C-alpha cells in the first residue's frame, strides 16, 4: 500500500487528467466523482512500481477508462433514464469551446477517447494504441473517422 505522501503527489499530478477522461465518458459529475475516488483508491492499493512517469500516467488513463466502462455497463444505468438529459458544460470551458465539446461528446465512445488522448493529452497514435490496447492502424482510422464526423457536425468543408 502506498503512503499518504505518494497518494497526495499522484492526486496533485493526475487529478485533472482523470476527471476530464471520466467526464468525457460519463457526462455527469456524480459518476465522475465516484470513478475518480475509485481510480485513486486503486492507486493507493497498487504496490507495483512504475517504470517511469509516462508509465504511471498511462496507468491512470487506462484505469480511468476501464472504470468508466464498468460504470457504463451497469444494469441500472443501461435501463434507467436520467432527469438530466442535457449536455452539461463544465465550468472551466470557454464559450467558444462549448460547440466543439458538444460535437466531441456526440461521437461514439471509441472516437471520443482517441480524440481526447490525442488533442487534450498530446499522445501520439502509437502511444494511444499502447494505452487502449489496439493496433496503431486502428487508432489512425479512428482518428480519421472522428475528425470527419467532427468536421461534418461543425459545418466544415468536406474533404474531397
N, C-alpha and C. Protein backbone atom coordinates (compact mmCIF):
# COMPACT_ATOMS: atom_id res chain seq x y z
N UNK A 1 0.85 -1.18 0.00
CA UNK A 1 0.00 0.00 0.00
C UNK A 1 0.89 1.24 0.00
N UNK A 2 0.48 2.23 -0.78
CA UNK A 2 1.27 3.45 -0.89
C UNK A 2 0.98 4.36 0.31
N UNK A 3 1.95 5.23 0.63
CA UNK A 3 1.77 6.12 1.77
C UNK A 3 1.01 7.39 1.37
N UNK A 4 0.69 8.20 2.36
CA UNK A 4 -0.10 9.42 2.14
C UNK A 4 0.62 10.41 1.22
N UNK A 5 1.92 10.52 1.36
CA UNK A 5 2.69 11.44 0.52
C UNK A 5 2.59 11.06 -0.95
N UNK A 6 2.73 9.76 -1.26
CA UNK A 6 2.62 9.29 -2.64
C UNK A 6 1.22 9.54 -3.20
N UNK A 7 0.21 9.28 -2.39
CA UNK A 7 -1.18 9.50 -2.82
C UNK A 7 -1.43 10.97 -3.11
N UNK A 8 -0.96 11.84 -2.24
CA UNK A 8 -1.15 13.28 -2.42
C UNK A 8 -0.45 13.77 -3.68
N UNK A 9 0.76 13.29 -3.91
CA UNK A 9 1.51 13.66 -5.11
C UNK A 9 0.76 13.23 -6.37
N UNK A 10 0.25 12.01 -6.37
CA UNK A 10 -0.46 11.49 -7.54
C UNK A 10 -1.75 12.28 -7.80
N UNK A 11 -2.46 12.61 -6.74
CA UNK A 11 -3.71 13.38 -6.90
C UNK A 11 -3.39 14.76 -7.47
N UNK A 12 -2.37 15.41 -6.93
CA UNK A 12 -2.00 16.73 -7.44
C UNK A 12 -1.58 16.67 -8.91
N UNK A 13 -0.94 15.59 -9.30
CA UNK A 13 -0.40 15.48 -10.65
C UNK A 13 -1.44 15.00 -11.67
N UNK A 14 -2.31 14.06 -11.29
CA UNK A 14 -3.18 13.41 -12.27
C UNK A 14 -4.67 13.67 -12.08
N UNK A 15 -5.05 14.43 -11.09
CA UNK A 15 -6.48 14.65 -10.81
C UNK A 15 -7.20 15.25 -12.01
N UNK A 16 -6.63 16.28 -12.61
CA UNK A 16 -7.28 16.96 -13.72
C UNK A 16 -7.46 16.01 -14.91
N UNK A 17 -6.43 15.25 -15.23
CA UNK A 17 -6.50 14.30 -16.34
C UNK A 17 -7.57 13.25 -16.09
N UNK A 18 -7.59 12.67 -14.91
CA UNK A 18 -8.58 11.64 -14.59
C UNK A 18 -9.99 12.21 -14.65
N UNK A 19 -10.21 13.39 -14.08
CA UNK A 19 -11.54 14.00 -14.12
C UNK A 19 -12.01 14.25 -15.56
N UNK A 20 -11.13 14.77 -16.39
CA UNK A 20 -11.52 15.06 -17.78
C UNK A 20 -11.85 13.78 -18.55
N UNK A 21 -11.04 12.76 -18.37
CA UNK A 21 -11.31 11.48 -19.03
C UNK A 21 -12.67 10.94 -18.58
N UNK A 22 -12.90 10.99 -17.29
CA UNK A 22 -14.17 10.49 -16.75
C UNK A 22 -15.35 11.30 -17.26
N UNK A 23 -15.20 12.60 -17.33
CA UNK A 23 -16.31 13.44 -17.78
C UNK A 23 -16.63 13.18 -19.25
N UNK A 24 -15.62 12.96 -20.05
CA UNK A 24 -15.84 12.67 -21.47
C UNK A 24 -16.64 11.39 -21.62
N UNK A 25 -16.40 10.40 -20.77
CA UNK A 25 -17.12 9.13 -20.87
C UNK A 25 -18.47 9.16 -20.17
N UNK A 26 -18.53 9.74 -18.98
CA UNK A 26 -19.71 9.61 -18.13
C UNK A 26 -20.69 10.78 -18.20
N UNK A 27 -20.19 11.95 -18.51
CA UNK A 27 -21.00 13.14 -18.75
C UNK A 27 -21.80 13.65 -17.54
N UNK A 28 -21.47 13.23 -16.34
CA UNK A 28 -22.11 13.84 -15.16
C UNK A 28 -21.16 13.77 -13.97
N UNK A 29 -21.28 14.78 -13.13
CA UNK A 29 -20.32 14.95 -12.03
C UNK A 29 -20.41 13.87 -10.96
N UNK A 30 -21.57 13.36 -10.69
CA UNK A 30 -21.70 12.35 -9.63
C UNK A 30 -20.92 11.09 -9.99
N UNK A 31 -21.10 10.61 -11.22
CA UNK A 31 -20.36 9.42 -11.65
C UNK A 31 -18.87 9.71 -11.76
N UNK A 32 -18.53 10.91 -12.22
CA UNK A 32 -17.11 11.29 -12.31
C UNK A 32 -16.47 11.25 -10.93
N UNK A 33 -17.14 11.79 -9.93
CA UNK A 33 -16.59 11.78 -8.57
C UNK A 33 -16.40 10.35 -8.06
N UNK A 34 -17.36 9.47 -8.34
CA UNK A 34 -17.25 8.08 -7.90
C UNK A 34 -16.06 7.38 -8.54
N UNK A 35 -15.93 7.54 -9.85
CA UNK A 35 -14.83 6.89 -10.56
C UNK A 35 -13.49 7.50 -10.15
N UNK A 36 -13.46 8.81 -9.96
CA UNK A 36 -12.24 9.49 -9.51
C UNK A 36 -11.73 8.85 -8.22
N UNK A 37 -12.63 8.68 -7.26
CA UNK A 37 -12.24 8.07 -5.99
C UNK A 37 -11.77 6.63 -6.19
N UNK A 38 -12.46 5.91 -7.04
CA UNK A 38 -12.10 4.52 -7.30
C UNK A 38 -10.70 4.40 -7.91
N UNK A 39 -10.39 5.28 -8.87
CA UNK A 39 -9.08 5.25 -9.53
C UNK A 39 -7.96 5.50 -8.52
N UNK A 40 -8.14 6.51 -7.68
CA UNK A 40 -7.06 6.82 -6.74
C UNK A 40 -6.99 5.81 -5.59
N UNK A 41 -8.09 5.17 -5.27
CA UNK A 41 -8.05 4.09 -4.29
C UNK A 41 -7.25 2.92 -4.86
N UNK A 42 -7.49 2.59 -6.13
CA UNK A 42 -6.72 1.53 -6.77
C UNK A 42 -5.23 1.87 -6.79
N UNK A 43 -4.91 3.15 -6.99
CA UNK A 43 -3.51 3.58 -6.99
C UNK A 43 -2.89 3.34 -5.61
N UNK A 44 -3.60 3.74 -4.58
CA UNK A 44 -3.07 3.58 -3.21
C UNK A 44 -2.87 2.10 -2.88
N UNK A 45 -3.77 1.26 -3.34
CA UNK A 45 -3.68 -0.17 -3.05
C UNK A 45 -2.70 -0.90 -3.97
N UNK A 46 -2.36 -0.32 -5.10
CA UNK A 46 -1.43 -0.91 -6.05
C UNK A 46 -0.01 -0.75 -5.53
N UNK A 47 0.69 -1.85 -5.33
CA UNK A 47 2.05 -1.78 -4.79
C UNK A 47 3.12 -1.95 -5.86
N UNK A 48 2.71 -2.26 -7.08
CA UNK A 48 3.69 -2.44 -8.15
C UNK A 48 4.31 -1.10 -8.53
N UNK A 49 5.64 -1.06 -8.65
CA UNK A 49 6.29 0.20 -9.05
C UNK A 49 6.09 0.45 -10.55
N UNK A 50 6.14 1.71 -10.93
CA UNK A 50 6.03 2.09 -12.33
C UNK A 50 7.42 2.24 -12.92
N UNK A 51 7.55 1.95 -14.20
CA UNK A 51 8.85 2.05 -14.87
C UNK A 51 9.34 3.51 -14.92
N UNK A 52 8.40 4.42 -15.19
CA UNK A 52 8.74 5.84 -15.29
C UNK A 52 7.45 6.65 -15.19
N UNK A 53 7.58 7.96 -15.33
CA UNK A 53 6.42 8.85 -15.21
C UNK A 53 5.39 8.61 -16.31
N UNK A 54 5.85 8.34 -17.52
CA UNK A 54 4.94 8.08 -18.64
C UNK A 54 4.13 6.80 -18.39
N UNK A 55 4.78 5.79 -17.82
CA UNK A 55 4.09 4.55 -17.49
C UNK A 55 3.03 4.80 -16.42
N UNK A 56 3.36 5.61 -15.44
CA UNK A 56 2.41 5.93 -14.38
C UNK A 56 1.19 6.68 -14.95
N UNK A 57 1.44 7.67 -15.80
CA UNK A 57 0.33 8.43 -16.39
C UNK A 57 -0.54 7.53 -17.26
N UNK A 58 0.08 6.66 -18.05
CA UNK A 58 -0.68 5.73 -18.89
C UNK A 58 -1.52 4.80 -18.02
N UNK A 59 -0.99 4.38 -16.86
CA UNK A 59 -1.74 3.54 -15.94
C UNK A 59 -2.99 4.27 -15.46
N UNK A 60 -2.85 5.52 -15.07
CA UNK A 60 -4.01 6.30 -14.60
C UNK A 60 -5.06 6.43 -15.71
N UNK A 61 -4.63 6.69 -16.92
CA UNK A 61 -5.57 6.84 -18.04
C UNK A 61 -6.29 5.52 -18.30
N UNK A 62 -5.55 4.42 -18.34
CA UNK A 62 -6.15 3.11 -18.62
C UNK A 62 -7.14 2.72 -17.51
N UNK A 63 -6.75 2.91 -16.26
CA UNK A 63 -7.63 2.55 -15.14
C UNK A 63 -8.89 3.43 -15.16
N UNK A 64 -8.73 4.72 -15.46
CA UNK A 64 -9.89 5.62 -15.52
C UNK A 64 -10.84 5.20 -16.63
N UNK A 65 -10.33 4.90 -17.81
CA UNK A 65 -11.17 4.47 -18.93
C UNK A 65 -11.89 3.18 -18.57
N UNK A 66 -11.18 2.22 -18.01
CA UNK A 66 -11.80 0.94 -17.64
C UNK A 66 -12.88 1.12 -16.58
N UNK A 67 -12.61 1.96 -15.59
CA UNK A 67 -13.60 2.21 -14.54
C UNK A 67 -14.85 2.88 -15.12
N UNK A 68 -14.66 3.78 -16.06
CA UNK A 68 -15.80 4.43 -16.73
C UNK A 68 -16.62 3.41 -17.50
N UNK A 69 -15.93 2.53 -18.20
CA UNK A 69 -16.64 1.48 -18.96
C UNK A 69 -17.44 0.59 -18.01
N UNK A 70 -16.88 0.27 -16.85
CA UNK A 70 -17.61 -0.53 -15.87
C UNK A 70 -18.89 0.17 -15.43
N UNK A 71 -18.80 1.46 -15.19
CA UNK A 71 -19.99 2.23 -14.80
C UNK A 71 -21.02 2.20 -15.91
N UNK A 72 -20.57 2.37 -17.14
CA UNK A 72 -21.48 2.41 -18.27
C UNK A 72 -22.13 1.05 -18.55
N UNK A 73 -21.48 -0.05 -18.14
CA UNK A 73 -22.03 -1.39 -18.34
C UNK A 73 -23.05 -1.76 -17.26
N UNK A 74 -23.12 -0.97 -16.21
CA UNK A 74 -24.00 -1.24 -15.09
C UNK A 74 -25.45 -1.42 -15.55
N UNK A 75 -26.13 -2.46 -15.08
CA UNK A 75 -27.51 -2.77 -15.48
C UNK A 75 -28.44 -1.60 -15.22
N UNK A 76 -28.35 -1.01 -14.04
CA UNK A 76 -29.25 0.10 -13.70
C UNK A 76 -29.05 1.26 -14.66
N UNK A 77 -27.80 1.57 -14.95
CA UNK A 77 -27.51 2.70 -15.83
C UNK A 77 -28.06 2.46 -17.23
N UNK A 78 -27.97 1.23 -17.71
CA UNK A 78 -28.48 0.92 -19.05
C UNK A 78 -30.00 0.99 -19.11
N UNK A 79 -30.65 0.72 -18.00
CA UNK A 79 -32.11 0.60 -18.00
C UNK A 79 -32.82 1.74 -17.28
N UNK A 80 -32.15 2.82 -17.07
CA UNK A 80 -32.76 3.98 -16.42
C UNK A 80 -32.54 5.21 -17.28
N UNK A 81 -33.43 6.17 -17.15
CA UNK A 81 -33.29 7.43 -17.86
C UNK A 81 -33.03 8.53 -16.86
N UNK A 82 -32.01 9.31 -17.13
CA UNK A 82 -31.64 10.39 -16.23
C UNK A 82 -32.59 11.57 -16.39
N UNK A 83 -32.79 12.32 -15.29
CA UNK A 83 -33.57 13.54 -15.37
C UNK A 83 -32.81 14.62 -16.13
N UNK A 84 -31.51 14.49 -16.14
CA UNK A 84 -30.65 15.50 -16.78
C UNK A 84 -30.13 14.97 -18.11
N UNK A 85 -30.95 14.98 -19.12
CA UNK A 85 -30.52 14.50 -20.43
C UNK A 85 -29.78 15.57 -21.22
N UNK A 86 -29.58 16.73 -20.62
CA UNK A 86 -28.89 17.82 -21.28
C UNK A 86 -27.39 17.63 -21.16
N UNK A 87 -26.67 18.12 -22.15
CA UNK A 87 -25.21 18.10 -22.06
C UNK A 87 -24.80 19.20 -21.11
N UNK A 88 -24.05 18.82 -20.10
CA UNK A 88 -23.58 19.77 -19.10
C UNK A 88 -22.24 20.32 -19.52
N UNK A 89 -22.10 21.60 -19.54
CA UNK A 89 -20.84 22.24 -19.91
C UNK A 89 -20.03 22.53 -18.66
N UNK A 90 -18.84 21.92 -18.53
CA UNK A 90 -18.00 22.18 -17.36
C UNK A 90 -17.64 23.65 -17.24
N UNK A 91 -17.46 24.08 -16.02
CA UNK A 91 -17.20 25.49 -15.75
C UNK A 91 -15.88 25.98 -16.33
N UNK A 92 -14.93 25.09 -16.55
CA UNK A 92 -13.62 25.52 -16.98
C UNK A 92 -13.50 25.73 -18.49
N UNK A 93 -14.58 25.48 -19.24
CA UNK A 93 -14.51 25.66 -20.68
C UNK A 93 -14.88 27.08 -21.10
N UNK A 94 -14.21 27.56 -22.09
CA UNK A 94 -14.53 28.86 -22.66
C UNK A 94 -15.77 28.70 -23.52
N UNK A 95 -16.47 29.81 -23.76
CA UNK A 95 -17.70 29.77 -24.53
C UNK A 95 -17.49 29.21 -25.94
N UNK A 96 -16.41 29.61 -26.61
CA UNK A 96 -16.18 29.15 -27.97
C UNK A 96 -15.85 27.67 -28.03
N UNK A 97 -15.40 27.07 -26.93
CA UNK A 97 -15.07 25.65 -26.92
C UNK A 97 -16.30 24.77 -26.72
N UNK A 98 -17.40 25.34 -26.28
CA UNK A 98 -18.57 24.53 -25.96
C UNK A 98 -19.16 23.84 -27.18
N UNK A 99 -19.12 24.48 -28.34
CA UNK A 99 -19.64 23.86 -29.56
C UNK A 99 -18.78 22.65 -29.93
N UNK A 100 -17.47 22.81 -29.82
CA UNK A 100 -16.56 21.70 -30.13
C UNK A 100 -16.77 20.57 -29.13
N UNK A 101 -16.86 20.90 -27.84
CA UNK A 101 -17.08 19.87 -26.83
C UNK A 101 -18.39 19.14 -27.10
N UNK A 102 -19.45 19.85 -27.43
CA UNK A 102 -20.73 19.22 -27.73
C UNK A 102 -20.58 18.23 -28.88
N UNK A 103 -19.85 18.63 -29.91
CA UNK A 103 -19.63 17.75 -31.06
C UNK A 103 -18.81 16.52 -30.65
N UNK A 104 -17.78 16.73 -29.84
CA UNK A 104 -16.96 15.60 -29.38
C UNK A 104 -17.80 14.65 -28.53
N UNK A 105 -18.65 15.20 -27.67
CA UNK A 105 -19.46 14.37 -26.78
C UNK A 105 -20.48 13.53 -27.56
N UNK A 106 -20.82 13.94 -28.78
CA UNK A 106 -21.78 13.19 -29.60
C UNK A 106 -21.11 12.04 -30.36
N UNK A 107 -19.79 12.01 -30.37
CA UNK A 107 -19.07 10.94 -31.06
C UNK A 107 -19.24 9.62 -30.31
N UNK A 108 -19.14 8.49 -31.02
CA UNK A 108 -19.11 7.20 -30.32
C UNK A 108 -17.94 7.16 -29.34
N UNK A 109 -18.06 6.36 -28.31
CA UNK A 109 -17.10 6.32 -27.21
C UNK A 109 -15.66 6.12 -27.68
N UNK A 110 -15.44 5.19 -28.61
CA UNK A 110 -14.07 4.92 -29.05
C UNK A 110 -13.45 6.14 -29.72
N UNK A 111 -14.25 6.91 -30.46
CA UNK A 111 -13.74 8.11 -31.10
C UNK A 111 -13.49 9.22 -30.08
N UNK A 112 -14.39 9.37 -29.10
CA UNK A 112 -14.19 10.37 -28.04
C UNK A 112 -12.86 10.13 -27.34
N UNK A 113 -12.59 8.88 -27.01
CA UNK A 113 -11.36 8.55 -26.28
C UNK A 113 -10.11 8.93 -27.05
N UNK A 114 -10.06 8.54 -28.33
CA UNK A 114 -8.84 8.83 -29.08
C UNK A 114 -8.68 10.32 -29.35
N UNK A 115 -9.78 11.03 -29.58
CA UNK A 115 -9.71 12.48 -29.79
C UNK A 115 -9.20 13.15 -28.52
N UNK A 116 -9.73 12.74 -27.37
CA UNK A 116 -9.29 13.33 -26.11
C UNK A 116 -7.79 13.07 -25.88
N UNK A 117 -7.39 11.81 -25.99
CA UNK A 117 -5.99 11.48 -25.72
C UNK A 117 -5.04 12.17 -26.69
N UNK A 118 -5.46 12.32 -27.94
CA UNK A 118 -4.58 12.94 -28.94
C UNK A 118 -4.52 14.45 -28.78
N UNK A 119 -5.67 15.10 -28.71
CA UNK A 119 -5.67 16.57 -28.72
C UNK A 119 -5.56 17.21 -27.35
N UNK A 120 -6.09 16.57 -26.31
CA UNK A 120 -6.05 17.19 -24.99
C UNK A 120 -4.85 16.72 -24.17
N UNK A 121 -4.46 15.46 -24.33
CA UNK A 121 -3.33 14.94 -23.55
C UNK A 121 -2.04 14.91 -24.35
N UNK A 122 -2.13 15.08 -25.67
CA UNK A 122 -0.94 15.17 -26.51
C UNK A 122 -0.27 13.85 -26.85
N UNK A 123 -1.00 12.75 -26.75
CA UNK A 123 -0.42 11.45 -27.09
C UNK A 123 -0.42 11.24 -28.59
N UNK A 124 0.59 10.53 -29.07
CA UNK A 124 0.64 10.15 -30.49
C UNK A 124 -0.24 8.92 -30.69
N UNK A 125 -0.50 8.59 -31.94
CA UNK A 125 -1.32 7.41 -32.24
C UNK A 125 -0.66 6.13 -31.70
N UNK A 126 0.65 6.06 -31.79
CA UNK A 126 1.39 4.89 -31.29
C UNK A 126 1.19 4.76 -29.77
N UNK A 127 1.30 5.87 -29.07
CA UNK A 127 1.12 5.85 -27.61
C UNK A 127 -0.33 5.50 -27.24
N UNK A 128 -1.29 6.06 -27.98
CA UNK A 128 -2.71 5.77 -27.72
C UNK A 128 -2.97 4.28 -27.93
N UNK A 129 -2.39 3.71 -28.98
CA UNK A 129 -2.56 2.28 -29.26
C UNK A 129 -2.11 1.43 -28.07
N UNK A 130 -0.99 1.81 -27.47
CA UNK A 130 -0.49 1.06 -26.30
C UNK A 130 -1.43 1.24 -25.11
N UNK A 131 -1.94 2.46 -24.91
CA UNK A 131 -2.80 2.73 -23.76
C UNK A 131 -4.11 1.97 -23.87
N UNK A 132 -4.74 2.00 -25.05
CA UNK A 132 -6.06 1.37 -25.19
C UNK A 132 -5.98 -0.08 -25.65
N UNK A 133 -4.78 -0.57 -25.95
CA UNK A 133 -4.61 -1.97 -26.31
C UNK A 133 -5.13 -2.31 -27.70
N UNK A 134 -4.98 -1.39 -28.63
CA UNK A 134 -5.43 -1.61 -30.01
C UNK A 134 -4.25 -1.46 -30.95
N UNK A 135 -4.42 -1.93 -32.19
CA UNK A 135 -3.42 -1.78 -33.23
C UNK A 135 -3.28 -0.31 -33.58
N UNK A 136 -2.07 0.14 -33.89
CA UNK A 136 -1.83 1.55 -34.21
C UNK A 136 -2.62 1.98 -35.44
N UNK A 137 -2.79 1.08 -36.42
CA UNK A 137 -3.56 1.42 -37.61
C UNK A 137 -5.03 1.65 -37.28
N UNK A 138 -5.54 0.92 -36.29
CA UNK A 138 -6.91 1.13 -35.82
C UNK A 138 -7.06 2.52 -35.25
N UNK A 139 -6.06 2.96 -34.49
CA UNK A 139 -6.10 4.30 -33.89
C UNK A 139 -6.07 5.37 -34.98
N UNK A 140 -5.22 5.19 -35.99
CA UNK A 140 -5.20 6.15 -37.11
C UNK A 140 -6.56 6.22 -37.80
N UNK A 141 -7.18 5.06 -37.98
CA UNK A 141 -8.51 5.01 -38.62
C UNK A 141 -9.54 5.72 -37.76
N UNK A 142 -9.53 5.45 -36.45
CA UNK A 142 -10.49 6.09 -35.54
C UNK A 142 -10.30 7.60 -35.51
N UNK A 143 -9.04 8.06 -35.48
CA UNK A 143 -8.78 9.50 -35.50
C UNK A 143 -9.30 10.13 -36.79
N UNK A 144 -9.05 9.47 -37.92
CA UNK A 144 -9.52 10.00 -39.20
C UNK A 144 -11.05 10.06 -39.24
N UNK A 145 -11.71 8.99 -38.82
CA UNK A 145 -13.18 8.97 -38.82
C UNK A 145 -13.76 10.00 -37.86
N UNK A 146 -13.12 10.14 -36.70
CA UNK A 146 -13.60 11.12 -35.71
C UNK A 146 -13.47 12.53 -36.26
N UNK A 147 -12.35 12.82 -36.90
CA UNK A 147 -12.15 14.15 -37.48
C UNK A 147 -13.21 14.44 -38.54
N UNK A 148 -13.50 13.45 -39.37
CA UNK A 148 -14.53 13.63 -40.42
C UNK A 148 -15.90 13.88 -39.80
N UNK A 149 -16.24 13.12 -38.77
CA UNK A 149 -17.53 13.31 -38.10
C UNK A 149 -17.60 14.70 -37.45
N UNK A 150 -16.51 15.12 -36.84
CA UNK A 150 -16.48 16.45 -36.22
C UNK A 150 -16.60 17.54 -37.28
N UNK A 151 -15.91 17.37 -38.38
CA UNK A 151 -15.98 18.35 -39.47
C UNK A 151 -17.42 18.48 -39.97
N UNK A 152 -18.09 17.34 -40.15
CA UNK A 152 -19.48 17.35 -40.61
C UNK A 152 -20.40 18.04 -39.60
N UNK A 153 -20.25 17.67 -38.33
CA UNK A 153 -21.15 18.22 -37.31
C UNK A 153 -20.89 19.69 -37.02
N UNK A 154 -19.67 20.16 -37.27
CA UNK A 154 -19.35 21.57 -37.02
C UNK A 154 -19.49 22.41 -38.29
N UNK A 155 -19.91 21.81 -39.38
CA UNK A 155 -20.18 22.55 -40.60
C UNK A 155 -18.95 22.92 -41.39
N UNK A 156 -17.91 22.10 -41.28
CA UNK A 156 -16.68 22.38 -42.02
C UNK A 156 -16.75 21.89 -43.46
N UNK A 157 -15.75 22.22 -44.23
CA UNK A 157 -15.67 21.81 -45.62
C UNK A 157 -15.43 20.30 -45.71
N UNK A 158 -16.19 19.59 -46.54
CA UNK A 158 -15.92 18.15 -46.70
C UNK A 158 -14.60 17.96 -47.44
N UNK A 159 -13.93 16.87 -47.12
CA UNK A 159 -12.65 16.56 -47.77
C UNK A 159 -12.96 15.81 -49.06
N UNK A 160 -12.37 16.27 -50.14
CA UNK A 160 -12.65 15.74 -51.46
C UNK A 160 -12.15 14.40 -51.67
